[in-house]
Amino acid sequence: MSRRTGQNGTLEERSGAWRGRFLVDVPGQMERQKRSVVLGFKKDMTKSEAKRKLKEIIRQEGIDLPTYVIPSTLSFAQKVELWERTYVAKRKPSTQGLIAYHLTYLLPKWGKSPVELITAEVVNEWVGGPEVAHLAPETIKGIVKTLQTALGKRFGGGQFPTRRKMRWKTILTATWQKKWKKLSMRPKGNTKRSSNWLLRQAPVLANYML
């Protein structure tokens, strides 16, 4: 669906606090709904600061972006249902089984989401979060590929963590956690020596980022 023109929102002061109001689109409805947010107390920020904060909130919502579209009434679960009938049913049984496994992660997370709101940014945040942290990088890559195929769009290359980057993150996190555990058990007099150790390890750990 086509995008709507941007908005600046409205600002008002109530009970000593700045409140901002702006309109948001709701899937399946022609009329926008009003959303109200508390920006801060009047004693802590000026009117200009409150306006800037409101503008930033609207920007984060994506309402003013050139790529913004009105959310669709079609959810990811509905999209998958159609996709399974037209595409998955024609695949080999082994492929169908793999897709079914991937959907056990995708549907609980994205099933109710409008398809237009499933973007590279939100998927990338999910991929790097705790919900799939226990999975192997290749498995995550397959899940993302299934998501893209079901949606009928690609998010672009280089936007999701590679196996090497995930390996570096795992090694770096484990190494630093182990070191900090030792630091917490040392007397305060060893702080300088411990800090020097961390500085010496930085070039070594950085090799995993390449």
C-alpha atoms as a PDB file:
ATOM      1  CA  MET A   1       0.000   0.000   0.000  1.00  0.00           C
ATOM      2  CA  SER A   2       1.185   3.552  -0.670  1.00  0.00           C
ATOM      3  CA  ARG A   3       2.778   5.652   2.039  1.00  0.00           C
ATOM      4  CA  ARG A   4       1.104   8.644   3.699  1.00  0.00           C
ATOM      5  CA  THR A   5       2.569  12.076   4.108  1.00  0.00           C
ATOM      6  CA  GLY A   6       4.656  12.694   7.197  1.00  0.00           C
ATOM      7  CA  GLN A   7       3.651  14.462  10.376  1.00  0.00           C
ATOM      8  CA  ASN A   8       5.233  16.459  13.155  1.00  0.00           C
ATOM      9  CA  GLY A   9       2.808  15.545  15.921  1.00  0.00           C
ATOM     10  CA  THR A  10       1.373  17.910  18.514  1.00  0.00           C
ATOM     11  CA  LEU A  11       2.805  18.964  21.865  1.00  0.00           C
ATOM     12  CA  GLU A  12       0.924  19.853  25.023  1.00  0.00           C
ATOM     13  CA  GLU A  13       1.733  20.477  28.677  1.00  0.00           C
ATOM     14  CA  ARG A  14      -0.395  18.682  31.251  1.00  0.00           C
ATOM     15  CA  SER A  15       0.156  18.310  34.999  1.00  0.00           C
ATOM     16  CA  GLY A  16       3.714  19.569  34.724  1.00  0.00           C
ATOM     17  CA  ALA A  17       4.696  17.123  31.987  1.00  0.00           C
ATOM     18  CA  TRP A  18       5.193  17.431  28.235  1.00  0.00           C
ATOM     19  CA  ARG A  19       3.001  15.068  26.234  1.00  0.00           C
ATOM     20  CA  GLY A  20       3.272  14.350  22.538  1.00  0.00           C
ATOM     21  CA  ARG A  21       0.563  13.083  20.248  1.00  0.00           C
ATOM     22  CA  PHE A  22       0.797  11.633  16.762  1.00  0.00           C
ATOM     23  CA  LEU A  23      -1.178   9.341  14.467  1.00  0.00           C
ATOM     24  CA  VAL A  24      -0.345   5.734  13.632  1.00  0.00           C
ATOM     25  CA  ASP A  25      -1.762   3.410  10.998  1.00  0.00           C
ATOM     26  CA  VAL A  26      -3.586   0.260  12.044  1.00  0.00           C
ATOM     27  CA  PRO A  27      -3.743  -2.781   9.739  1.00  0.00           C
ATOM     28  CA  GLY A  28      -7.173  -3.133   8.158  1.00  0.00           C
ATOM     29  CA  GLN A  29      -8.408   0.327   9.161  1.00  0.00           C
ATOM     30  CA  MET A  30      -8.593   3.439   7.010  1.00  0.00           C
ATOM     31  CA  GLU A  31      -8.568   5.854   9.938  1.00  0.00           C
ATOM     32  CA  ARG A  32      -5.392   6.438  11.885  1.00  0.00           C
ATOM     33  CA  GLN A  33      -5.394   6.098  15.661  1.00  0.00           C
ATOM     34  CA  LYS A  34      -3.990   8.675  18.076  1.00  0.00           C
ATOM     35  CA  ARG A  35      -1.011   7.718  20.188  1.00  0.00           C
ATOM     36  CA  SER A  36       0.078   9.699  23.233  1.00  0.00           C
ATOM     37  CA  VAL A  37       3.524   9.567  24.829  1.00  0.00           C
ATOM     38  CA  VAL A  38       4.990  11.269  27.888  1.00  0.00           C
ATOM     39  CA  LEU A  39       8.149  13.115  26.824  1.00  0.00           C
ATOM     40  CA  GLY A  40       9.330  14.359  30.219  1.00  0.00           C
ATOM     41  CA  PHE A  41       8.659  16.875  32.955  1.00  0.00           C
ATOM     42  CA  LYS A  42       8.487  20.564  32.181  1.00  0.00           C
ATOM     43  CA  LYS A  43      11.021  21.345  34.904  1.00  0.00           C
ATOM     44  CA  ASP A  44      13.583  19.059  33.214  1.00  0.00           C
ATOM     45  CA  MET A  45      13.256  20.071  29.559  1.00  0.00           C
ATOM     46  CA  THR A  46      12.300  23.075  27.485  1.00  0.00           C
ATOM     47  CA  LYS A  47       9.506  23.125  24.933  1.00  0.00           C
ATOM     48  CA  SER A  48      12.045  22.956  22.108  1.00  0.00           C
ATOM     49  CA  GLU A  49      13.687  19.897  23.657  1.00  0.00           C
ATOM     50  CA  ALA A  50      10.289  18.224  23.998  1.00  0.00           C
ATOM     51  CA  LYS A  51       9.527  18.937  20.333  1.00  0.00           C
ATOM     52  CA  ARG A  52      12.837  17.412  19.261  1.00  0.00           C
ATOM     53  CA  LYS A  53      12.185  14.310  21.358  1.00  0.00           C
ATOM     54  CA  LEU A  54       8.716  13.908  19.846  1.00  0.00           C
ATOM     55  CA  LYS A  55      10.150  14.266  16.359  1.00  0.00           C
ATOM     56  CA  GLU A  56      12.727  11.575  17.135  1.00  0.00           C
ATOM     57  CA  ILE A  57      10.012   9.197  18.384  1.00  0.00           C
ATOM     58  CA  ILE A  58       8.046   9.717  15.167  1.00  0.00           C
ATOM     59  CA  ARG A  59      11.221   9.086  13.161  1.00  0.00           C
ATOM     60  CA  GLN A  60      11.839   5.832  15.026  1.00  0.00           C
ATOM     61  CA  GLU A  61       8.300   4.722  14.211  1.00  0.00           C
ATOM     62  CA  GLY A  62       9.281   5.076  10.548  1.00  0.00           C
ATOM     63  CA  ILE A  63       6.207   7.137   9.707  1.00  0.00           C
ATOM     64  CA  ASP A  64       8.210   9.837   7.929  1.00  0.00           C
ATOM     65  CA  LEU A  65      10.559   7.528   6.032  1.00  0.00           C
ATOM     66  CA  PRO A  66      10.258   7.434   2.210  1.00  0.00           C
ATOM     67  CA  THR A  67       9.973   3.631   2.439  1.00  0.00           C
ATOM     68  CA  TYR A  68       7.050   3.705   4.894  1.00  0.00           C
ATOM     69  CA  VAL A  69       3.933   1.827   3.818  1.00  0.00           C
ATOM     70  CA  ILE A  70       0.595   1.388   5.533  1.00  0.00           C
ATOM     71  CA  PRO A  71       0.685  -1.991   7.344  1.00  0.00           C
ATOM     72  CA  SER A  72      -1.095  -4.777   5.495  1.00  0.00           C
ATOM     73  CA  THR A  73      -3.950  -6.842   6.900  1.00  0.00           C
ATOM     74  CA  LEU A  74      -2.059  -9.939   5.700  1.00  0.00           C
ATOM     75  CA  SER A  75      -0.166 -11.523   8.566  1.00  0.00           C
ATOM     76  CA  PHE A  76       2.899 -13.715   8.183  1.00  0.00           C
ATOM     77  CA  ALA A  77       0.870 -16.747   9.297  1.00  0.00           C
ATOM     78  CA  GLN A  78      -1.658 -16.101   6.513  1.00  0.00           C
ATOM     79  CA  LYS A  79       1.170 -15.628   4.034  1.00  0.00           C
ATOM     80  CA  VAL A  80       2.713 -18.940   5.107  1.00  0.00           C
ATOM     81  CA  GLU A  81      -0.608 -20.748   4.766  1.00  0.00           C
ATOM     82  CA  LEU A  82      -0.884 -19.643   1.130  1.00  0.00           C
ATOM     83  CA  TRP A  83       2.819 -20.324   0.515  1.00  0.00           C
ATOM     84  CA  GLU A  84       2.520 -23.878   1.846  1.00  0.00           C
ATOM     85  CA  ARG A  85      -0.295 -24.640  -0.614  1.00  0.00           C
ATOM     86  CA  THR A  86       1.357 -23.095  -3.671  1.00  0.00           C
ATOM     87  CA  TYR A  87       5.050 -23.796  -3.063  1.00  0.00           C
ATOM     88  CA  VAL A  88       5.894 -26.113  -0.165  1.00  0.00           C
ATOM     89  CA  ALA A  89       3.422 -28.816  -1.219  1.00  0.00           C
ATOM     90  CA  LYS A  90       5.385 -29.274  -4.466  1.00  0.00           C
ATOM     91  CA  ARG A  91       8.761 -29.768  -2.754  1.00  0.00           C
ATOM     92  CA  LYS A  92      10.410 -33.052  -1.796  1.00  0.00           C
ATOM     93  CA  PRO A  93       9.369 -34.575   1.564  1.00  0.00           C
ATOM     94  CA  SER A  94      12.815 -33.857   3.005  1.00  0.00           C
ATOM     95  CA  THR A  95      12.518 -30.185   2.019  1.00  0.00           C
ATOM     96  CA  GLN A  96       9.027 -30.008   3.474  1.00  0.00           C
ATOM     97  CA  GLY A  97      10.329 -31.418   6.757  1.00  0.00           C
ATOM     98  CA  LEU A  98      13.128 -28.847   6.923  1.00  0.00           C
ATOM     99  CA  ILE A  99      10.718 -25.987   6.215  1.00  0.00           C
ATOM    100  CA  ALA A 100       8.338 -27.288   8.890  1.00  0.00           C
ATOM    101  CA  TYR A 101      11.226 -27.264  11.367  1.00  0.00           C
ATOM    102  CA  HIS A 102      12.157 -23.684  10.451  1.00  0.00           C
ATOM    103  CA  LEU A 103       8.545 -22.591  10.857  1.00  0.00           C
ATOM    104  CA  THR A 104       8.559 -23.787  14.482  1.00  0.00           C
ATOM    105  CA  TYR A 105      10.809 -20.779  15.126  1.00  0.00           C
ATOM    106  CA  LEU A 106       9.307 -18.353  12.613  1.00  0.00           C
ATOM    107  CA  LEU A 107       5.583 -18.641  13.317  1.00  0.00           C
ATOM    108  CA  PRO A 108       5.694 -18.062  17.101  1.00  0.00           C
ATOM    109  CA  LYS A 109       7.781 -14.931  16.516  1.00  0.00           C
ATOM    110  CA  TRP A 110       6.308 -13.463  13.331  1.00  0.00           C
ATOM    111  CA  GLY A 111       2.958 -15.228  12.854  1.00  0.00           C
ATOM    112  CA  LYS A 112       0.783 -12.261  13.848  1.00  0.00           C
ATOM    113  CA  SER A 113       3.034  -9.586  12.281  1.00  0.00           C
ATOM    114  CA  PRO A 114       1.917  -7.779   9.096  1.00  0.00           C
ATOM    115  CA  VAL A 115       4.238  -8.916   6.307  1.00  0.00           C
ATOM    116  CA  GLU A 116       5.401  -5.364   5.493  1.00  0.00           C
ATOM    117  CA  LEU A 117       6.706  -4.910   9.040  1.00  0.00           C
ATOM    118  CA  ILE A 118       9.079  -7.885   8.816  1.00  0.00           C
ATOM    119  CA  THR A 119      12.173  -6.013   7.682  1.00  0.00           C
ATOM    120  CA  ALA A 120      15.889  -6.745   7.645  1.00  0.00           C
ATOM    121  CA  GLU A 121      16.364  -4.551  10.710  1.00  0.00           C
ATOM    122  CA  VAL A 122      13.893  -6.366  12.969  1.00  0.00           C
ATOM    123  CA  VAL A 123      14.972  -9.798  11.729  1.00  0.00           C
ATOM    124  CA  ASN A 124      18.618  -8.940  12.305  1.00  0.00           C
ATOM    125  CA  GLU A 125      17.801  -7.930  15.889  1.00  0.00           C
ATOM    126  CA  TRP A 126      15.959 -11.237  16.421  1.00  0.00           C
ATOM    127  CA  VAL A 127      18.812 -13.269  14.919  1.00  0.00           C
ATOM    128  CA  GLY A 128      21.251 -11.672  17.350  1.00  0.00           C
ATOM    129  CA  GLY A 129      18.955 -12.159  20.348  1.00  0.00           C
ATOM    130  CA  PRO A 130      18.525 -14.940  22.911  1.00  0.00           C
ATOM    131  CA  GLU A 131      15.616 -16.743  21.201  1.00  0.00           C
ATOM    132  CA  VAL A 132      17.861 -18.435  18.627  1.00  0.00           C
ATOM    133  CA  ALA A 133      21.216 -18.113  20.386  1.00  0.00           C
ATOM    134  CA  HIS A 134      21.357 -21.877  21.000  1.00  0.00           C
ATOM    135  CA  LEU A 135      21.176 -22.683  17.274  1.00  0.00           C
ATOM    136  CA  ALA A 136      24.129 -23.237  14.967  1.00  0.00           C
ATOM    137  CA  PRO A 137      24.896 -20.410  12.504  1.00  0.00           C
ATOM    138  CA  GLU A 138      24.025 -22.619   9.524  1.00  0.00           C
ATOM    139  CA  THR A 139      20.652 -23.418  11.076  1.00  0.00           C
ATOM    140  CA  ILE A 140      19.926 -19.718  11.617  1.00  0.00           C
ATOM    141  CA  LYS A 141      20.949 -19.039   8.030  1.00  0.00           C
ATOM    142  CA  GLY A 142      18.465 -21.674   6.856  1.00  0.00           C
ATOM    143  CA  ILE A 143      15.683 -20.206   8.988  1.00  0.00           C
ATOM    144  CA  VAL A 144      16.288 -16.751   7.540  1.00  0.00           C
ATOM    145  CA  LYS A 145      16.313 -18.201   4.010  1.00  0.00           C
ATOM    146  CA  THR A 146      12.953 -19.880   4.658  1.00  0.00           C
ATOM    147  CA  LEU A 147      11.597 -16.586   6.015  1.00  0.00           C
ATOM    148  CA  GLN A 148      12.720 -14.727   2.892  1.00  0.00           C
ATOM    149  CA  THR A 149      11.279 -17.378   0.572  1.00  0.00           C
ATOM    150  CA  ALA A 150       7.935 -17.333   2.362  1.00  0.00           C
ATOM    151  CA  LEU A 151       7.788 -13.543   2.174  1.00  0.00           C
ATOM    152  CA  GLY A 152       8.893 -13.507  -1.449  1.00  0.00           C
ATOM    153  CA  LYS A 153      11.670 -10.977  -0.826  1.00  0.00           C
ATOM    154  CA  ARG A 154      15.340 -10.830   0.071  1.00  0.00           C
ATOM    155  CA  PHE A 155      16.813  -8.661   2.795  1.00  0.00           C
ATOM    156  CA  GLY A 156      20.148  -8.148   1.019  1.00  0.00           C
ATOM    157  CA  GLY A 157      23.548  -9.663   1.636  1.00  0.00           C
ATOM    158  CA  GLY A 158      25.782  -8.983   4.598  1.00  0.00           C
ATOM    159  CA  GLN A 159      22.996  -7.988   6.968  1.00  0.00           C
ATOM    160  CA  PHE A 160      23.004 -11.100   9.119  1.00  0.00           C
ATOM    161  CA  PRO A 161      25.784 -12.520  11.291  1.00  0.00           C
ATOM    162  CA  THR A 162      28.146 -14.896   9.492  1.00  0.00           C
ATOM    163  CA  ARG A 163      29.545 -18.085  11.036  1.00  0.00           C
ATOM    164  CA  ARG A 164      32.916 -16.367  11.587  1.00  0.00           C
ATOM    165  CA  LYS A 165      31.376 -13.361  13.298  1.00  0.00           C
ATOM    166  CA  MET A 166      29.288 -15.616  15.550  1.00  0.00           C
ATOM    167  CA  ARG A 167      32.398 -17.671  16.363  1.00  0.00           C
ATOM    168  CA  TRP A 168      34.281 -14.491  17.259  1.00  0.00           C
ATOM    169  CA  LYS A 169      31.403 -13.305  19.449  1.00  0.00           C
ATOM    170  CA  THR A 170      31.297 -16.645  21.300  1.00  0.00           C
ATOM    171  CA  ILE A 171      35.071 -16.739  21.871  1.00  0.00           C
ATOM    172  CA  LEU A 172      35.285 -13.099  22.869  1.00  0.00           C
ATOM    173  CA  THR A 173      32.380 -13.342  25.308  1.00  0.00           C
ATOM    174  CA  ALA A 174      33.677 -16.530  26.936  1.00  0.00           C
ATOM    175  CA  THR A 175      37.224 -15.153  27.214  1.00  0.00           C
ATOM    176  CA  TRP A 176      36.215 -11.875  28.783  1.00  0.00           C
ATOM    177  CA  GLN A 177      33.706 -13.499  31.141  1.00  0.00           C
ATOM    178  CA  LYS A 178      36.383 -15.888  32.374  1.00  0.00           C
ATOM    179  CA  LYS A 179      38.850 -13.035  32.890  1.00  0.00           C
ATOM    180  CA  TRP A 180      36.369 -10.794  34.654  1.00  0.00           C
ATOM    181  CA  LYS A 181      35.454 -13.653  36.972  1.00  0.00           C
ATOM    182  CA  LYS A 182      39.097 -13.859  37.993  1.00  0.00           C
ATOM    183  CA  LEU A 183      39.298 -10.080  38.403  1.00  0.00           C
ATOM    184  CA  SER A 184      36.364 -10.061  40.811  1.00  0.00           C
ATOM    185  CA  MET A 185      38.264 -12.463  43.073  1.00  0.00           C
ATOM    186  CA  ARG A 186      41.532 -10.477  43.116  1.00  0.00           C
ATOM    187  CA  PRO A 187      42.572  -7.816  45.653  1.00  0.00           C
ATOM    188  CA  LYS A 188      42.181  -4.222  44.511  1.00  0.00           C
ATOM    189  CA  GLY A 189      45.977  -3.848  44.326  1.00  0.00           C
ATOM    190  CA  ASN A 190      46.034  -6.001  41.168  1.00  0.00           C
ATOM    191  CA  THR A 191      43.670  -3.736  39.207  1.00  0.00           C
ATOM    192  CA  LYS A 192      46.452  -2.037  37.199  1.00  0.00           C
ATOM    193  CA  ARG A 193      48.060  -5.356  36.288  1.00  0.00           C
ATOM    194  CA  SER A 194      44.670  -6.783  35.213  1.00  0.00           C
ATOM    195  CA  SER A 195      43.919  -3.740  33.076  1.00  0.00           C
ATOM    196  CA  ASN A 196      47.265  -4.162  31.333  1.00  0.00           C
ATOM    197  CA  TRP A 197      46.385  -7.795  30.599  1.00  0.00           C
ATOM    198  CA  LEU A 198      43.129  -6.758  28.921  1.00  0.00           C
ATOM    199  CA  LEU A 199      44.963  -4.247  26.756  1.00  0.00           C
ATOM    200  CA  ARG A 200      47.495  -6.871  25.687  1.00  0.00           C
ATOM    201  CA  GLN A 201      44.736  -9.304  24.700  1.00  0.00           C
ATOM    202  CA  ALA A 202      42.842  -6.803  22.542  1.00  0.00           C
ATOM    203  CA  PRO A 203      44.920  -7.335  19.327  1.00  0.00           C
ATOM    204  CA  VAL A 204      44.612 -11.113  19.707  1.00  0.00           C
ATOM    205  CA  LEU A 205      40.838 -11.054  20.148  1.00  0.00           C
ATOM    206  CA  ALA A 206      40.483  -8.579  17.303  1.00  0.00           C
ATOM    207  CA  ASN A 207      41.776 -11.212  14.865  1.00  0.00           C
ATOM    208  CA  TYR A 208      38.480 -13.052  15.188  1.00  0.00           C
ATOM    209  CA  MET A 209      36.640 -10.028  13.791  1.00  0.00           C
ATOM    210  CA  LEU A 210      38.356 -10.181  10.390  1.00  0.00           C
END
